[in-house]
Amino acid sequence: MTPAFEVRTTAHFDRDFRGLLRQHRELVSRYARIIGILQTDPYNRTFSHPIKKLEGVAAGNGQYRIRAGRFRFRYDIEETVVYLKTCELRREGTYR
């Protein structure tokens, strides 16, 4: 079965990903899981994934965020293409 959405990465995402990958090898397995989710349900219509639409963020700036452990992936959706914008590591003091 062909996935409903195509997932592409930006140059900024690639830089972020490579930087995090040097210190966090578990990122590979989490990334593979995230790609599978985004290919089938990037809008989270099933409400079964840790996806959130960010308020006050314009299209093109990573309107959606998906969590994978301590990692956060921000992405945009244009028709049937999902563009991964950033990959970040959530630190302990992020939300304090």
C-alpha atoms as a PDB file:
ATOM      1  CA  MET A   1       0.000   0.000   0.000  1.00  0.00           C
ATOM      2  CA  THR A   2       1.320   3.433  -0.951  1.00  0.00           C
ATOM      3  CA  PRO A   3       1.525   5.983   1.893  1.00  0.00           C
ATOM      4  CA  ALA A   4      -1.014   8.805   1.701  1.00  0.00           C
ATOM      5  CA  PHE A   5       1.640  11.467   2.392  1.00  0.00           C
ATOM      6  CA  GLU A   6       5.207  11.935   1.194  1.00  0.00           C
ATOM      7  CA  VAL A   7       7.750  13.058   3.813  1.00  0.00           C
ATOM      8  CA  ARG A   8      10.586  15.411   2.814  1.00  0.00           C
ATOM      9  CA  THR A   9      13.239  17.124   4.896  1.00  0.00           C
ATOM     10  CA  THR A  10      14.668  20.639   4.711  1.00  0.00           C
ATOM     11  CA  ALA A  11      18.366  21.532   4.859  1.00  0.00           C
ATOM     12  CA  HIS A  12      17.821  22.975   8.342  1.00  0.00           C
ATOM     13  CA  PHE A  13      16.282  19.707   9.531  1.00  0.00           C
ATOM     14  CA  ASP A  14      19.167  17.706   8.055  1.00  0.00           C
ATOM     15  CA  ARG A  15      21.708  19.834   9.967  1.00  0.00           C
ATOM     16  CA  ASP A  16      19.763  19.507  13.222  1.00  0.00           C
ATOM     17  CA  PHE A  17      19.344  15.764  12.751  1.00  0.00           C
ATOM     18  CA  ARG A  18      23.019  15.096  12.002  1.00  0.00           C
ATOM     19  CA  GLY A  19      24.076  17.147  15.017  1.00  0.00           C
ATOM     20  CA  LEU A  20      21.788  15.268  17.396  1.00  0.00           C
ATOM     21  CA  LEU A  21      22.618  11.898  15.866  1.00  0.00           C
ATOM     22  CA  ARG A  22      26.268  12.191  16.916  1.00  0.00           C
ATOM     23  CA  GLN A  23      25.327  12.040  20.592  1.00  0.00           C
ATOM     24  CA  HIS A  24      21.953  10.259  20.543  1.00  0.00           C
ATOM     25  CA  ARG A  25      21.970   6.977  18.593  1.00  0.00           C
ATOM     26  CA  GLU A  26      18.395   6.182  19.709  1.00  0.00           C
ATOM     27  CA  LEU A  27      17.240   8.979  17.404  1.00  0.00           C
ATOM     28  CA  VAL A  28      17.411   6.611  14.412  1.00  0.00           C
ATOM     29  CA  SER A  29      14.666   4.306  15.705  1.00  0.00           C
ATOM     30  CA  ARG A  30      12.497   7.214  16.840  1.00  0.00           C
ATOM     31  CA  TYR A  31      12.895   8.893  13.444  1.00  0.00           C
ATOM     32  CA  ALA A  32      11.783   5.724  11.641  1.00  0.00           C
ATOM     33  CA  ARG A  33       8.653   5.555  13.812  1.00  0.00           C
ATOM     34  CA  ILE A  34       7.878   9.243  13.207  1.00  0.00           C
ATOM     35  CA  ILE A  35       8.192   8.829   9.427  1.00  0.00           C
ATOM     36  CA  GLY A  36       5.650   6.003   9.516  1.00  0.00           C
ATOM     37  CA  ILE A  37       3.199   8.128  11.490  1.00  0.00           C
ATOM     38  CA  LEU A  38       3.607  11.167   9.236  1.00  0.00           C
ATOM     39  CA  GLN A  39       3.095   9.107   6.081  1.00  0.00           C
ATOM     40  CA  THR A  40      -0.293   7.905   7.290  1.00  0.00           C
ATOM     41  CA  ASP A  41      -1.762  10.480   9.709  1.00  0.00           C
ATOM     42  CA  PRO A  42       0.110  13.822   9.913  1.00  0.00           C
ATOM     43  CA  TYR A  43      -3.039  15.700  10.998  1.00  0.00           C
ATOM     44  CA  ASN A  44      -3.587  13.225  13.883  1.00  0.00           C
ATOM     45  CA  ARG A  45      -7.198  12.624  12.932  1.00  0.00           C
ATOM     46  CA  THR A  46      -7.157   9.390  14.931  1.00  0.00           C
ATOM     47  CA  PHE A  47      -5.995  11.241  18.089  1.00  0.00           C
ATOM     48  CA  SER A  48      -3.585   8.379  18.766  1.00  0.00           C
ATOM     49  CA  HIS A  49      -0.255  10.172  18.244  1.00  0.00           C
ATOM     50  CA  PRO A  50       1.577  12.860  20.246  1.00  0.00           C
ATOM     51  CA  ILE A  51       0.954  15.538  17.598  1.00  0.00           C
ATOM     52  CA  LYS A  52      -0.001  19.098  18.381  1.00  0.00           C
ATOM     53  CA  LYS A  53      -0.872  21.986  16.080  1.00  0.00           C
ATOM     54  CA  LEU A  54       1.005  24.993  17.428  1.00  0.00           C
ATOM     55  CA  GLU A  55      -0.976  28.182  17.957  1.00  0.00           C
ATOM     56  CA  GLY A  56       0.340  31.441  16.552  1.00  0.00           C
ATOM     57  CA  VAL A  57       2.763  29.763  14.146  1.00  0.00           C
ATOM     58  CA  ALA A  58       2.377  30.702  10.487  1.00  0.00           C
ATOM     59  CA  ALA A  59       2.417  28.156   7.690  1.00  0.00           C
ATOM     60  CA  GLY A  60       5.972  27.456   6.613  1.00  0.00           C
ATOM     61  CA  ASN A  61       7.406  27.828  10.120  1.00  0.00           C
ATOM     62  CA  GLY A  62       6.608  24.374  11.481  1.00  0.00           C
ATOM     63  CA  GLN A  63       2.904  24.532  12.331  1.00  0.00           C
ATOM     64  CA  TYR A  64       2.808  21.030  13.785  1.00  0.00           C
ATOM     65  CA  ARG A  65       4.944  19.282  16.411  1.00  0.00           C
ATOM     66  CA  ILE A  66       5.294  15.586  17.115  1.00  0.00           C
ATOM     67  CA  ARG A  67       7.035  14.189  20.195  1.00  0.00           C
ATOM     68  CA  ALA A  68       9.262  11.129  20.222  1.00  0.00           C
ATOM     69  CA  GLY A  69      10.674  10.682  23.703  1.00  0.00           C
ATOM     70  CA  ARG A  70      12.850  13.719  24.427  1.00  0.00           C
ATOM     71  CA  PHE A  71      12.931  14.709  20.743  1.00  0.00           C
ATOM     72  CA  ARG A  72      10.597  17.201  19.078  1.00  0.00           C
ATOM     73  CA  PHE A  73      10.024  17.293  15.331  1.00  0.00           C
ATOM     74  CA  ARG A  74       8.318  20.338  13.795  1.00  0.00           C
ATOM     75  CA  TYR A  75       6.743  20.080  10.372  1.00  0.00           C
ATOM     76  CA  ASP A  76       4.378  21.650   7.852  1.00  0.00           C
ATOM     77  CA  ILE A  77       1.866  20.019   5.531  1.00  0.00           C
ATOM     78  CA  GLU A  78       1.294  21.162   1.947  1.00  0.00           C
ATOM     79  CA  GLU A  79      -1.345  19.086   0.145  1.00  0.00           C
ATOM     80  CA  THR A  80       0.109  15.540   0.298  1.00  0.00           C
ATOM     81  CA  VAL A  81       3.688  16.468   1.237  1.00  0.00           C
ATOM     82  CA  VAL A  82       4.972  16.731   4.822  1.00  0.00           C
ATOM     83  CA  TYR A  83       8.062  18.940   5.227  1.00  0.00           C
ATOM     84  CA  LEU A  84      10.143  18.254   8.331  1.00  0.00           C
ATOM     85  CA  LYS A  85      11.517  21.628   9.459  1.00  0.00           C
ATOM     86  CA  THR A  86      13.415  21.098  12.726  1.00  0.00           C
ATOM     87  CA  CYS A  87      14.522  18.348  15.073  1.00  0.00           C
ATOM     88  CA  GLU A  88      15.235  19.417  18.648  1.00  0.00           C
ATOM     89  CA  LEU A  89      16.105  17.813  21.949  1.00  0.00           C
ATOM     90  CA  ARG A  90      13.935  18.794  24.894  1.00  0.00           C
ATOM     91  CA  ARG A  91      16.123  19.631  27.859  1.00  0.00           C
ATOM     92  CA  GLU A  92      14.950  19.259  31.456  1.00  0.00           C
ATOM     93  CA  GLY A  93      14.626  23.014  32.002  1.00  0.00           C
ATOM     94  CA  THR A  94      12.814  23.795  28.750  1.00  0.00           C
ATOM     95  CA  TYR A  95       9.378  24.479  30.221  1.00  0.00           C
ATOM     96  CA  ARG A  96      10.336  25.990  33.588  1.00  0.00           C
END
